[in-house]
N, C-alpha and C. Protein backbone atom coordinates (compact mmCIF):
# COMPACT_ATOMS: atom_id res chain seq x y z
N MET A 1 0.83 -1.18 0.00
CA MET A 1 0.00 0.00 0.00
C MET A 1 0.87 1.23 0.00
N LEU A 2 0.39 2.23 -0.64
CA LEU A 2 1.13 3.46 -0.77
C LEU A 2 0.64 4.46 0.25
N GLY A 3 1.51 5.00 1.08
CA GLY A 3 1.15 6.07 2.00
C GLY A 3 1.07 7.36 1.23
N VAL A 4 -0.11 7.82 0.97
CA VAL A 4 -0.31 8.98 0.12
C VAL A 4 0.24 10.24 0.76
N ALA A 5 0.18 10.34 2.06
CA ALA A 5 0.60 11.56 2.71
C ALA A 5 2.06 11.88 2.45
N GLY A 6 2.87 10.88 2.21
CA GLY A 6 4.27 11.12 1.93
C GLY A 6 4.49 11.91 0.66
N ALA A 7 3.51 11.92 -0.22
CA ALA A 7 3.63 12.64 -1.47
C ALA A 7 3.12 14.06 -1.36
N CYS A 8 2.62 14.45 -0.21
CA CYS A 8 2.02 15.77 -0.02
C CYS A 8 2.93 16.65 0.80
N VAL A 9 2.77 17.93 0.63
CA VAL A 9 3.43 18.87 1.51
C VAL A 9 2.56 18.99 2.75
N ALA A 10 3.14 18.76 3.89
CA ALA A 10 2.35 18.75 5.12
C ALA A 10 2.54 20.05 5.89
N ASP A 11 1.50 20.48 6.57
CA ASP A 11 1.61 21.55 7.54
C ASP A 11 0.79 21.17 8.76
N ALA A 12 0.87 21.97 9.79
CA ALA A 12 0.26 21.60 11.07
C ALA A 12 -1.26 21.51 11.00
N GLN A 13 -1.91 22.09 10.01
CA GLN A 13 -3.36 22.10 9.95
C GLN A 13 -3.93 21.03 9.03
N THR A 14 -3.12 20.15 8.51
CA THR A 14 -3.63 19.12 7.62
C THR A 14 -3.39 17.74 8.20
N PRO A 15 -4.24 16.78 7.83
CA PRO A 15 -4.03 15.44 8.34
C PRO A 15 -2.74 14.81 7.83
N THR A 16 -2.17 15.34 6.77
CA THR A 16 -0.92 14.78 6.28
C THR A 16 0.21 15.01 7.29
N ALA A 17 0.04 15.99 8.16
CA ALA A 17 1.04 16.23 9.19
C ALA A 17 0.84 15.30 10.38
N ASP A 18 -0.28 14.62 10.42
CA ASP A 18 -0.66 13.75 11.53
C ASP A 18 -0.55 12.30 11.06
N ALA A 19 0.36 11.55 11.64
CA ALA A 19 0.57 10.16 11.22
C ALA A 19 -0.68 9.31 11.37
N ASP A 20 -1.60 9.71 12.24
CA ASP A 20 -2.83 8.96 12.44
C ASP A 20 -3.93 9.36 11.46
N ALA A 21 -3.66 10.29 10.57
CA ALA A 21 -4.72 10.81 9.71
C ALA A 21 -4.36 10.68 8.23
N ARG A 22 -3.84 9.56 7.85
CA ARG A 22 -3.46 9.34 6.46
C ARG A 22 -4.35 8.30 5.83
N LEU A 23 -4.91 8.66 4.68
CA LEU A 23 -5.62 7.66 3.89
C LEU A 23 -4.57 6.94 3.06
N THR A 24 -4.82 5.69 2.77
CA THR A 24 -3.88 4.94 1.96
C THR A 24 -4.57 4.36 0.74
N GLU A 25 -3.82 4.30 -0.31
CA GLU A 25 -4.30 3.64 -1.52
C GLU A 25 -4.44 2.16 -1.18
N VAL A 26 -5.44 1.52 -1.75
CA VAL A 26 -5.61 0.09 -1.51
C VAL A 26 -5.49 -0.66 -2.82
N PRO A 27 -5.03 -1.90 -2.76
CA PRO A 27 -4.89 -2.69 -3.98
C PRO A 27 -6.25 -3.08 -4.53
N TRP A 28 -6.32 -3.21 -5.80
CA TRP A 28 -7.54 -3.71 -6.42
C TRP A 28 -7.20 -5.05 -7.03
N GLY A 29 -8.18 -5.87 -7.19
CA GLY A 29 -7.92 -7.19 -7.73
C GLY A 29 -9.10 -8.10 -7.47
N GLY A 30 -8.91 -9.35 -7.70
CA GLY A 30 -9.98 -10.31 -7.52
C GLY A 30 -10.54 -10.76 -8.85
N ASN A 31 -11.54 -11.59 -8.79
CA ASN A 31 -12.09 -12.18 -10.00
C ASN A 31 -12.76 -11.18 -10.92
N ASP A 32 -13.35 -10.13 -10.34
CA ASP A 32 -14.07 -9.17 -11.17
C ASP A 32 -13.26 -7.92 -11.51
N ALA A 33 -12.01 -7.87 -11.08
CA ALA A 33 -11.18 -6.70 -11.37
C ALA A 33 -10.73 -6.72 -12.82
N PRO A 34 -10.65 -5.54 -13.42
CA PRO A 34 -10.18 -5.48 -14.80
C PRO A 34 -8.72 -5.90 -14.89
N SER A 35 -8.34 -6.46 -16.01
CA SER A 35 -6.94 -6.83 -16.19
C SER A 35 -6.10 -5.59 -16.38
N ASP A 36 -4.81 -5.71 -16.10
CA ASP A 36 -3.91 -4.57 -16.27
C ASP A 36 -3.89 -4.08 -17.71
N GLN A 37 -4.25 -4.93 -18.66
CA GLN A 37 -4.21 -4.56 -20.07
C GLN A 37 -5.47 -3.83 -20.51
N SER A 38 -6.53 -3.85 -19.70
CA SER A 38 -7.77 -3.20 -20.09
C SER A 38 -7.63 -1.68 -19.98
N ALA A 39 -8.58 -0.99 -20.60
CA ALA A 39 -8.59 0.47 -20.50
C ALA A 39 -8.73 0.91 -19.05
N VAL A 40 -9.59 0.22 -18.28
CA VAL A 40 -9.76 0.57 -16.87
C VAL A 40 -8.45 0.32 -16.13
N GLY A 41 -7.82 -0.81 -16.39
CA GLY A 41 -6.56 -1.12 -15.74
C GLY A 41 -5.49 -0.08 -16.04
N GLN A 42 -5.46 0.39 -17.26
CA GLN A 42 -4.48 1.42 -17.63
C GLN A 42 -4.77 2.73 -16.91
N LEU A 43 -6.05 3.09 -16.79
CA LEU A 43 -6.41 4.31 -16.05
C LEU A 43 -6.04 4.19 -14.58
N ILE A 44 -6.30 3.02 -14.01
CA ILE A 44 -5.96 2.80 -12.60
C ILE A 44 -4.45 2.88 -12.40
N ASP A 45 -3.69 2.24 -13.28
CA ASP A 45 -2.23 2.31 -13.18
C ASP A 45 -1.75 3.76 -13.28
N ALA A 46 -2.34 4.52 -14.21
CA ALA A 46 -1.95 5.92 -14.37
C ALA A 46 -2.33 6.73 -13.13
N GLY A 47 -3.48 6.44 -12.54
CA GLY A 47 -3.88 7.12 -11.32
C GLY A 47 -2.96 6.81 -10.16
N ARG A 48 -2.59 5.55 -10.03
CA ARG A 48 -1.67 5.16 -8.96
C ARG A 48 -0.30 5.81 -9.14
N ALA A 49 0.15 5.89 -10.39
CA ALA A 49 1.44 6.54 -10.66
C ALA A 49 1.36 8.03 -10.32
N ALA A 50 0.23 8.65 -10.64
CA ALA A 50 0.06 10.07 -10.32
C ALA A 50 0.06 10.28 -8.81
N LEU A 51 -0.62 9.39 -8.06
CA LEU A 51 -0.60 9.51 -6.60
C LEU A 51 0.83 9.37 -6.07
N ALA A 52 1.55 8.41 -6.60
CA ALA A 52 2.93 8.20 -6.16
C ALA A 52 3.80 9.43 -6.43
N ALA A 53 3.47 10.15 -7.51
CA ALA A 53 4.23 11.35 -7.88
C ALA A 53 3.72 12.59 -7.14
N GLY A 54 2.64 12.43 -6.36
CA GLY A 54 2.10 13.56 -5.62
C GLY A 54 1.15 14.43 -6.43
N ASP A 55 0.72 13.96 -7.59
CA ASP A 55 -0.18 14.72 -8.45
C ASP A 55 -1.60 14.24 -8.23
N ALA A 56 -2.23 14.74 -7.18
CA ALA A 56 -3.57 14.29 -6.81
C ALA A 56 -4.61 14.67 -7.86
N GLN A 57 -4.43 15.80 -8.53
CA GLN A 57 -5.38 16.22 -9.56
C GLN A 57 -5.40 15.22 -10.71
N ALA A 58 -4.24 14.85 -11.21
CA ALA A 58 -4.17 13.87 -12.30
C ALA A 58 -4.70 12.51 -11.84
N ALA A 59 -4.38 12.14 -10.60
CA ALA A 59 -4.86 10.86 -10.07
C ALA A 59 -6.39 10.87 -10.02
N ALA A 60 -6.97 11.95 -9.52
CA ALA A 60 -8.43 12.03 -9.44
C ALA A 60 -9.06 11.94 -10.82
N GLN A 61 -8.45 12.57 -11.81
CA GLN A 61 -8.99 12.51 -13.17
C GLN A 61 -8.95 11.08 -13.71
N ARG A 62 -7.85 10.38 -13.49
CA ARG A 62 -7.72 9.00 -13.99
C ARG A 62 -8.69 8.07 -13.26
N PHE A 63 -8.74 8.20 -11.94
CA PHE A 63 -9.64 7.34 -11.17
C PHE A 63 -11.11 7.62 -11.51
N SER A 64 -11.45 8.89 -11.73
CA SER A 64 -12.83 9.24 -12.11
C SER A 64 -13.19 8.61 -13.45
N ALA A 65 -12.27 8.67 -14.40
CA ALA A 65 -12.52 8.06 -15.71
C ALA A 65 -12.69 6.55 -15.58
N ALA A 66 -11.87 5.92 -14.77
CA ALA A 66 -11.98 4.47 -14.56
C ALA A 66 -13.29 4.13 -13.86
N LEU A 67 -13.71 4.98 -12.93
CA LEU A 67 -14.93 4.73 -12.17
C LEU A 67 -16.17 4.77 -13.07
N ARG A 68 -16.13 5.56 -14.12
CA ARG A 68 -17.26 5.57 -15.06
C ARG A 68 -17.42 4.21 -15.73
N GLN A 69 -16.34 3.46 -15.84
CA GLN A 69 -16.39 2.14 -16.47
C GLN A 69 -16.55 1.01 -15.46
N ALA A 70 -16.18 1.26 -14.23
CA ALA A 70 -16.27 0.23 -13.17
C ALA A 70 -16.83 0.91 -11.91
N PRO A 71 -18.11 1.31 -11.93
CA PRO A 71 -18.66 2.15 -10.86
C PRO A 71 -18.79 1.49 -9.49
N ASP A 72 -18.69 0.18 -9.42
CA ASP A 72 -18.86 -0.51 -8.14
C ASP A 72 -17.58 -1.15 -7.63
N ASP A 73 -16.44 -0.66 -8.07
CA ASP A 73 -15.16 -1.20 -7.62
C ASP A 73 -14.77 -0.48 -6.33
N PRO A 74 -14.82 -1.17 -5.18
CA PRO A 74 -14.55 -0.50 -3.91
C PRO A 74 -13.12 0.04 -3.80
N ALA A 75 -12.14 -0.66 -4.34
CA ALA A 75 -10.77 -0.17 -4.28
C ALA A 75 -10.62 1.10 -5.11
N LEU A 76 -11.26 1.14 -6.23
CA LEU A 76 -11.23 2.33 -7.07
C LEU A 76 -11.91 3.51 -6.37
N LEU A 77 -13.04 3.26 -5.73
CA LEU A 77 -13.72 4.30 -4.96
C LEU A 77 -12.80 4.82 -3.85
N ASN A 78 -12.13 3.90 -3.16
CA ASN A 78 -11.19 4.28 -2.11
C ASN A 78 -10.06 5.14 -2.65
N ASN A 79 -9.49 4.72 -3.77
CA ASN A 79 -8.34 5.44 -4.30
C ASN A 79 -8.73 6.82 -4.83
N LEU A 80 -9.93 6.95 -5.40
CA LEU A 80 -10.42 8.27 -5.77
C LEU A 80 -10.63 9.11 -4.52
N ALA A 81 -11.14 8.51 -3.45
CA ALA A 81 -11.31 9.23 -2.18
C ALA A 81 -9.97 9.73 -1.66
N THR A 82 -8.94 8.92 -1.80
CA THR A 82 -7.60 9.32 -1.36
C THR A 82 -7.14 10.55 -2.12
N ALA A 83 -7.32 10.54 -3.43
CA ALA A 83 -6.93 11.69 -4.25
C ALA A 83 -7.76 12.92 -3.88
N ARG A 84 -9.06 12.73 -3.71
CA ARG A 84 -9.93 13.87 -3.36
C ARG A 84 -9.55 14.45 -2.00
N ALA A 85 -9.22 13.59 -1.05
CA ALA A 85 -8.81 14.09 0.26
C ALA A 85 -7.52 14.90 0.13
N MET A 86 -6.60 14.45 -0.69
CA MET A 86 -5.36 15.20 -0.90
C MET A 86 -5.64 16.57 -1.50
N LEU A 87 -6.71 16.66 -2.29
CA LEU A 87 -7.08 17.93 -2.91
C LEU A 87 -7.90 18.82 -1.98
N GLY A 88 -8.24 18.31 -0.81
CA GLY A 88 -9.00 19.09 0.15
C GLY A 88 -10.50 18.85 0.09
N ASP A 89 -10.96 17.95 -0.76
CA ASP A 89 -12.38 17.64 -0.87
C ASP A 89 -12.73 16.52 0.10
N THR A 90 -12.74 16.85 1.40
CA THR A 90 -12.99 15.83 2.41
C THR A 90 -14.43 15.33 2.35
N ASP A 91 -15.38 16.20 2.01
CA ASP A 91 -16.78 15.76 1.89
C ASP A 91 -16.93 14.75 0.77
N GLY A 92 -16.32 15.03 -0.38
CA GLY A 92 -16.37 14.10 -1.51
C GLY A 92 -15.68 12.79 -1.17
N ALA A 93 -14.54 12.88 -0.49
CA ALA A 93 -13.81 11.68 -0.08
C ALA A 93 -14.66 10.85 0.87
N LEU A 94 -15.33 11.50 1.80
CA LEU A 94 -16.18 10.80 2.76
C LEU A 94 -17.30 10.05 2.05
N GLN A 95 -17.96 10.69 1.10
CA GLN A 95 -19.03 10.04 0.35
C GLN A 95 -18.52 8.82 -0.41
N LEU A 96 -17.36 8.95 -1.04
CA LEU A 96 -16.79 7.82 -1.78
C LEU A 96 -16.44 6.66 -0.86
N LEU A 97 -15.86 6.96 0.29
CA LEU A 97 -15.50 5.90 1.23
C LEU A 97 -16.73 5.22 1.79
N ARG A 98 -17.77 5.97 2.08
CA ARG A 98 -19.01 5.35 2.56
C ARG A 98 -19.58 4.41 1.51
N ARG A 99 -19.55 4.83 0.27
CA ARG A 99 -20.04 3.98 -0.83
C ARG A 99 -19.19 2.72 -0.95
N ALA A 100 -17.88 2.86 -0.85
CA ALA A 100 -16.98 1.70 -0.95
C ALA A 100 -17.25 0.71 0.17
N VAL A 101 -17.46 1.21 1.39
CA VAL A 101 -17.73 0.33 2.53
C VAL A 101 -19.08 -0.36 2.36
N ALA A 102 -20.06 0.34 1.81
CA ALA A 102 -21.37 -0.28 1.58
C ALA A 102 -21.27 -1.42 0.58
N ILE A 103 -20.40 -1.27 -0.41
CA ILE A 103 -20.21 -2.30 -1.43
C ILE A 103 -19.38 -3.47 -0.89
N ALA A 104 -18.36 -3.15 -0.10
CA ALA A 104 -17.44 -4.18 0.40
C ALA A 104 -17.22 -4.00 1.90
N PRO A 105 -18.22 -4.34 2.72
CA PRO A 105 -18.08 -4.13 4.16
C PRO A 105 -16.98 -4.95 4.81
N ASP A 106 -16.49 -5.99 4.14
CA ASP A 106 -15.44 -6.83 4.70
C ASP A 106 -14.04 -6.30 4.42
N ARG A 107 -13.91 -5.23 3.65
CA ARG A 107 -12.59 -4.67 3.34
C ARG A 107 -12.13 -3.78 4.49
N THR A 108 -11.34 -4.37 5.39
CA THR A 108 -10.89 -3.62 6.56
C THR A 108 -10.00 -2.44 6.17
N ASP A 109 -9.26 -2.55 5.07
CA ASP A 109 -8.40 -1.44 4.67
C ASP A 109 -9.24 -0.22 4.30
N ILE A 110 -10.36 -0.44 3.63
CA ILE A 110 -11.23 0.67 3.26
C ILE A 110 -11.98 1.18 4.49
N ARG A 111 -12.42 0.28 5.35
CA ARG A 111 -13.08 0.69 6.60
C ARG A 111 -12.13 1.52 7.45
N ASN A 112 -10.86 1.15 7.47
CA ASN A 112 -9.87 1.93 8.23
C ASN A 112 -9.72 3.33 7.65
N ASN A 113 -9.73 3.45 6.33
CA ASN A 113 -9.65 4.78 5.73
C ASN A 113 -10.87 5.62 6.08
N LEU A 114 -12.05 5.01 6.07
CA LEU A 114 -13.26 5.74 6.46
C LEU A 114 -13.15 6.21 7.90
N ARG A 115 -12.71 5.34 8.77
CA ARG A 115 -12.54 5.69 10.18
C ARG A 115 -11.50 6.80 10.34
N THR A 116 -10.40 6.70 9.63
CA THR A 116 -9.35 7.71 9.69
C THR A 116 -9.89 9.08 9.28
N LEU A 117 -10.61 9.11 8.18
CA LEU A 117 -11.14 10.38 7.70
C LEU A 117 -12.18 10.96 8.65
N THR A 118 -13.11 10.14 9.11
CA THR A 118 -14.14 10.66 10.02
C THR A 118 -13.53 11.11 11.34
N ASP A 119 -12.55 10.37 11.84
CA ASP A 119 -11.88 10.78 13.08
C ASP A 119 -11.19 12.12 12.89
N TRP A 120 -10.49 12.29 11.77
CA TRP A 120 -9.79 13.55 11.51
C TRP A 120 -10.79 14.70 11.38
N MET A 121 -11.87 14.47 10.64
CA MET A 121 -12.87 15.52 10.47
C MET A 121 -13.50 15.89 11.80
N GLN A 122 -13.74 14.90 12.65
CA GLN A 122 -14.32 15.15 13.98
C GLN A 122 -13.36 15.98 14.82
N ARG A 123 -12.06 15.71 14.74
CA ARG A 123 -11.09 16.51 15.50
C ARG A 123 -11.04 17.94 15.00
N GLN A 124 -11.20 18.13 13.70
CA GLN A 124 -11.14 19.48 13.14
C GLN A 124 -12.39 20.29 13.45
N THR A 125 -13.52 19.63 13.48
CA THR A 125 -14.81 20.29 13.71
C THR A 125 -15.62 19.43 14.68
N PRO A 126 -15.39 19.61 15.98
CA PRO A 126 -16.14 18.81 16.96
C PRO A 126 -17.64 18.96 16.74
N GLY A 127 -18.36 17.86 16.87
CA GLY A 127 -19.80 17.86 16.68
C GLY A 127 -20.21 17.72 15.22
N LEU A 128 -19.25 17.46 14.34
CA LEU A 128 -19.54 17.35 12.91
C LEU A 128 -20.48 16.19 12.63
N PHE A 129 -20.32 15.10 13.35
CA PHE A 129 -21.15 13.91 13.15
C PHE A 129 -22.01 13.69 14.37
N ASP A 130 -23.24 13.23 14.16
CA ASP A 130 -24.10 12.87 15.28
C ASP A 130 -23.49 11.70 16.04
N ASP A 131 -22.98 10.74 15.28
CA ASP A 131 -22.40 9.53 15.85
C ASP A 131 -21.15 9.23 15.05
N ASN A 132 -20.00 9.28 15.68
CA ASN A 132 -18.75 9.07 14.97
C ASN A 132 -18.33 7.61 14.93
N ALA A 133 -19.20 6.70 15.37
CA ALA A 133 -18.86 5.28 15.33
C ALA A 133 -18.89 4.81 13.89
N VAL A 134 -17.78 4.28 13.45
CA VAL A 134 -17.68 3.83 12.07
C VAL A 134 -17.77 2.31 11.99
N ASP A 135 -17.87 1.64 13.17
CA ASP A 135 -18.01 0.18 13.11
C ASP A 135 -19.42 -0.07 12.63
N GLY A 136 -19.85 -0.37 11.75
CA GLY A 136 -21.16 -0.59 11.18
C GLY A 136 -21.07 0.03 9.85
N ASP A 137 -20.26 0.66 9.71
CA ASP A 137 -19.40 1.55 9.04
C ASP A 137 -20.15 2.60 8.28
N ARG A 138 -20.90 3.27 9.08
CA ARG A 138 -21.60 4.43 8.54
C ARG A 138 -21.51 5.53 9.58
N ALA A 139 -20.75 6.55 9.27
CA ALA A 139 -20.78 7.72 10.12
C ALA A 139 -22.11 8.36 9.79
N SER A 140 -22.94 8.57 10.80
CA SER A 140 -24.30 9.02 10.50
C SER A 140 -24.35 10.51 10.31
N GLY A 141 -25.55 11.04 10.30
CA GLY A 141 -25.89 12.39 9.90
C GLY A 141 -24.86 13.47 10.11
N ARG A 142 -24.84 14.42 9.24
CA ARG A 142 -23.89 15.53 9.27
C ARG A 142 -24.54 16.71 9.98
N GLN A 143 -23.76 17.42 10.76
CA GLN A 143 -24.23 18.63 11.41
C GLN A 143 -23.28 19.76 11.06
N GLY A 144 -23.82 20.88 10.71
CA GLY A 144 -23.03 22.10 10.58
C GLY A 144 -21.77 21.99 9.77
N VAL A 145 -21.77 21.26 8.69
CA VAL A 145 -20.57 21.15 7.87
C VAL A 145 -20.39 22.46 7.12
N THR A 146 -19.21 23.02 7.22
CA THR A 146 -18.93 24.27 6.53
C THR A 146 -17.72 24.09 5.65
N SER A 147 -17.46 25.10 4.87
CA SER A 147 -16.28 25.04 4.00
C SER A 147 -15.00 25.24 4.80
N GLY A 148 -15.10 25.41 6.12
CA GLY A 148 -13.94 25.62 6.95
C GLY A 148 -13.19 24.35 7.29
N VAL A 149 -13.64 23.19 6.86
CA VAL A 149 -12.93 21.95 7.13
C VAL A 149 -11.59 22.02 6.41
N GLN A 150 -10.53 21.77 7.14
CA GLN A 150 -9.18 21.90 6.59
C GLN A 150 -8.90 20.84 5.54
N PRO A 151 -8.17 21.17 4.50
CA PRO A 151 -7.84 20.19 3.46
C PRO A 151 -6.81 19.19 3.95
N TRP A 152 -6.74 18.08 3.29
CA TRP A 152 -5.73 17.05 3.58
C TRP A 152 -4.43 17.46 3.01
């Protein structure tokens, strides 16, 4: 797994500066995963390379394009969430991670990323979630979300 935060410039107000607040790229694979030679596989490879190079914008574009062709791939949803979080779109990242967990509730790596993000958001804006328990793996209703949430 790739620690995405290492590719970002960190400061004291971002989760990249906090070792406990890093989302990680997760591997994709399995019987229903596209082959590396497919168009989706090529987009995913390009997205992963962009993340490794610290280019979250390019990664998000590649993962978004791949997601249009494989909309229910939980690893792809996770990796797009990682790129979005790096870009500061924590709300978008949260939605993607919730969707990934709903599709693959047994993926502890993705559940850990959801927990990491919700924990970080809760620390930045106390009271953001009605219930911050992610074991069931749904952070429930949102309260008072503003654009003041710090970027990753």
